[in-house]
N, C-alpha and C. Protein backbone atom coordinates (compact mmCIF):
# COMPACT_ATOMS: atom_id res chain seq x y z
N ILE A 1 5.13 -0.08 -0.81
CA ILE A 1 5.03 -1.45 -0.33
C ILE A 1 3.65 -1.99 -0.64
N ALA A 2 3.52 -3.27 -0.65
CA ALA A 2 2.22 -3.91 -0.74
C ALA A 2 1.89 -4.41 0.66
N LEU A 3 0.70 -4.11 1.14
CA LEU A 3 0.31 -4.43 2.51
C LEU A 3 -0.86 -5.39 2.52
N LEU A 4 -0.75 -6.46 3.31
CA LEU A 4 -1.85 -7.38 3.55
C LEU A 4 -2.46 -7.00 4.89
N ASN A 5 -3.72 -6.58 4.86
CA ASN A 5 -4.39 -6.13 6.07
C ASN A 5 -5.71 -6.88 6.17
N GLN A 6 -5.74 -7.93 6.97
CA GLN A 6 -6.91 -8.80 7.12
C GLN A 6 -7.21 -9.49 5.79
N GLU A 7 -8.13 -8.95 4.97
CA GLU A 7 -8.58 -9.61 3.75
C GLU A 7 -8.18 -8.90 2.47
N GLU A 8 -7.54 -7.76 2.55
CA GLU A 8 -7.24 -7.00 1.34
C GLU A 8 -5.75 -6.71 1.20
N VAL A 9 -5.36 -6.44 -0.02
CA VAL A 9 -3.99 -6.02 -0.31
C VAL A 9 -4.06 -4.60 -0.84
N THR A 10 -3.17 -3.75 -0.36
CA THR A 10 -3.16 -2.35 -0.77
C THR A 10 -1.72 -1.90 -0.97
N VAL A 11 -1.54 -0.84 -1.74
CA VAL A 11 -0.20 -0.30 -2.00
C VAL A 11 -0.09 1.06 -1.32
N LYS A 12 0.92 1.20 -0.48
CA LYS A 12 1.15 2.44 0.28
C LYS A 12 2.64 2.75 0.32
N ARG A 13 2.95 3.97 0.72
CA ARG A 13 4.34 4.34 1.03
C ARG A 13 4.56 4.08 2.52
N LEU A 14 5.72 3.53 2.85
CA LEU A 14 6.02 3.14 4.22
C LEU A 14 6.94 4.16 4.87
N TYR A 15 6.55 4.63 6.06
CA TYR A 15 7.38 5.54 6.85
C TYR A 15 7.50 4.94 8.25
N LYS A 16 8.73 4.90 8.78
CA LYS A 16 8.98 4.36 10.12
C LYS A 16 9.57 5.46 10.99
N LYS A 17 9.02 5.58 12.22
CA LYS A 17 9.55 6.53 13.20
C LYS A 17 9.37 5.90 14.57
N ASP A 18 10.47 5.76 15.29
CA ASP A 18 10.47 5.09 16.59
C ASP A 18 9.86 3.69 16.41
N ASN A 19 8.82 3.36 17.15
CA ASN A 19 8.16 2.06 17.03
C ASN A 19 6.87 2.14 16.21
N GLN A 20 6.64 3.25 15.54
CA GLN A 20 5.41 3.49 14.80
C GLN A 20 5.65 3.34 13.30
N ILE A 21 4.74 2.67 12.61
CA ILE A 21 4.77 2.54 11.16
C ILE A 21 3.59 3.32 10.60
N THR A 22 3.83 4.17 9.62
CA THR A 22 2.77 4.89 8.92
C THR A 22 2.77 4.45 7.48
N LEU A 23 1.61 4.04 7.00
CA LEU A 23 1.42 3.64 5.62
C LEU A 23 0.61 4.73 4.93
N GLN A 24 1.24 5.46 4.03
CA GLN A 24 0.65 6.64 3.41
C GLN A 24 0.14 6.29 2.01
N PRO A 25 -1.16 6.48 1.75
CA PRO A 25 -1.68 6.21 0.41
C PRO A 25 -1.29 7.32 -0.56
N SER A 26 -1.18 6.98 -1.83
CA SER A 26 -0.92 7.99 -2.86
C SER A 26 -2.19 8.79 -3.15
N ASN A 27 -3.34 8.15 -2.98
CA ASN A 27 -4.62 8.78 -3.24
C ASN A 27 -5.02 9.62 -2.02
N PRO A 28 -5.18 10.95 -2.19
CA PRO A 28 -5.52 11.82 -1.05
C PRO A 28 -6.92 11.58 -0.48
N LEU A 29 -7.74 10.79 -1.15
CA LEU A 29 -9.08 10.48 -0.63
C LEU A 29 -9.04 9.47 0.51
N TYR A 30 -7.89 8.79 0.67
CA TYR A 30 -7.74 7.79 1.72
C TYR A 30 -6.84 8.30 2.84
N LYS A 31 -7.13 7.87 4.06
CA LYS A 31 -6.35 8.29 5.22
C LYS A 31 -5.14 7.37 5.40
N PRO A 32 -4.07 7.89 6.02
CA PRO A 32 -2.92 7.04 6.34
C PRO A 32 -3.30 6.00 7.39
N ILE A 33 -2.57 4.91 7.41
CA ILE A 33 -2.75 3.86 8.40
C ILE A 33 -1.56 3.89 9.34
N ASN A 34 -1.81 4.04 10.64
CA ASN A 34 -0.76 4.01 11.65
C ASN A 34 -0.86 2.69 12.40
N THR A 35 0.27 2.02 12.57
CA THR A 35 0.27 0.71 13.22
C THR A 35 1.65 0.43 13.82
N LYS A 36 1.69 -0.53 14.69
CA LYS A 36 2.97 -1.03 15.20
C LYS A 36 3.25 -2.41 14.62
N ASP A 37 2.23 -3.01 13.97
CA ASP A 37 2.32 -4.35 13.40
C ASP A 37 1.92 -4.32 11.93
N ALA A 38 2.71 -4.93 11.07
CA ALA A 38 2.36 -5.03 9.65
C ALA A 38 3.10 -6.21 9.05
N ILE A 39 2.47 -6.85 8.08
CA ILE A 39 3.12 -7.90 7.31
C ILE A 39 3.38 -7.32 5.93
N ILE A 40 4.63 -7.13 5.60
CA ILE A 40 4.99 -6.55 4.32
C ILE A 40 5.22 -7.69 3.33
N LEU A 41 4.45 -7.67 2.24
CA LEU A 41 4.54 -8.73 1.23
C LEU A 41 5.66 -8.49 0.24
N GLY A 42 5.98 -7.23 0.00
CA GLY A 42 7.04 -6.92 -0.96
C GLY A 42 7.05 -5.45 -1.31
N LYS A 43 7.96 -5.09 -2.17
CA LYS A 43 8.12 -3.71 -2.61
C LYS A 43 7.57 -3.58 -4.02
N VAL A 44 6.75 -2.58 -4.25
CA VAL A 44 6.20 -2.33 -5.58
C VAL A 44 7.27 -1.63 -6.42
N VAL A 45 7.61 -2.22 -7.55
CA VAL A 45 8.63 -1.62 -8.42
C VAL A 45 8.05 -1.17 -9.75
N GLY A 46 6.78 -1.47 -10.00
CA GLY A 46 6.14 -1.04 -11.24
C GLY A 46 4.66 -1.35 -11.20
N ILE A 47 3.92 -0.69 -12.07
CA ILE A 47 2.48 -0.90 -12.18
C ILE A 47 2.15 -1.12 -13.64
N LEU A 48 1.37 -2.15 -13.92
CA LEU A 48 0.90 -2.41 -15.28
C LEU A 48 -0.56 -2.02 -15.37
N ARG A 49 -0.92 -1.27 -16.40
CA ARG A 49 -2.31 -0.86 -16.59
C ARG A 49 -2.72 -1.16 -18.02
N ARG A 50 -3.97 -1.55 -18.19
CA ARG A 50 -4.53 -1.76 -19.52
C ARG A 50 -5.20 -0.46 -19.95
N PHE A 51 -4.95 -0.05 -21.17
CA PHE A 51 -5.55 1.18 -21.67
C PHE A 51 -6.81 0.91 -22.49
N ASN A 52 -7.18 -0.34 -22.64
CA ASN A 52 -8.38 -0.68 -23.40
C ASN A 52 -9.54 -1.04 -22.48
N GLY A 53 -9.53 -0.56 -21.26
CA GLY A 53 -10.61 -0.82 -20.32
C GLY A 53 -10.60 -2.23 -19.77
N GLY A 54 -9.48 -2.93 -19.85
CA GLY A 54 -9.37 -4.27 -19.31
C GLY A 54 -9.84 -5.36 -20.25
N LYS A 55 -10.28 -4.99 -21.46
CA LYS A 55 -10.74 -5.98 -22.44
C LYS A 55 -9.55 -6.57 -23.17
N LYS A 56 -9.63 -7.87 -23.45
CA LYS A 56 -8.54 -8.55 -24.17
C LYS A 56 -8.72 -8.43 -25.66
């Protein structure tokens, strides 16, 4: 999912259990986010990356 949290947008995996939502990052350097409130912007279905370092 794509998550809007205050001022940033991030991509996480969404897990729901009871009234708790856990947003799990793919990157192990980041901690999961546990919340009861979230605004879900949409579902990530693909990622586009530039292989030339972002230069056009």
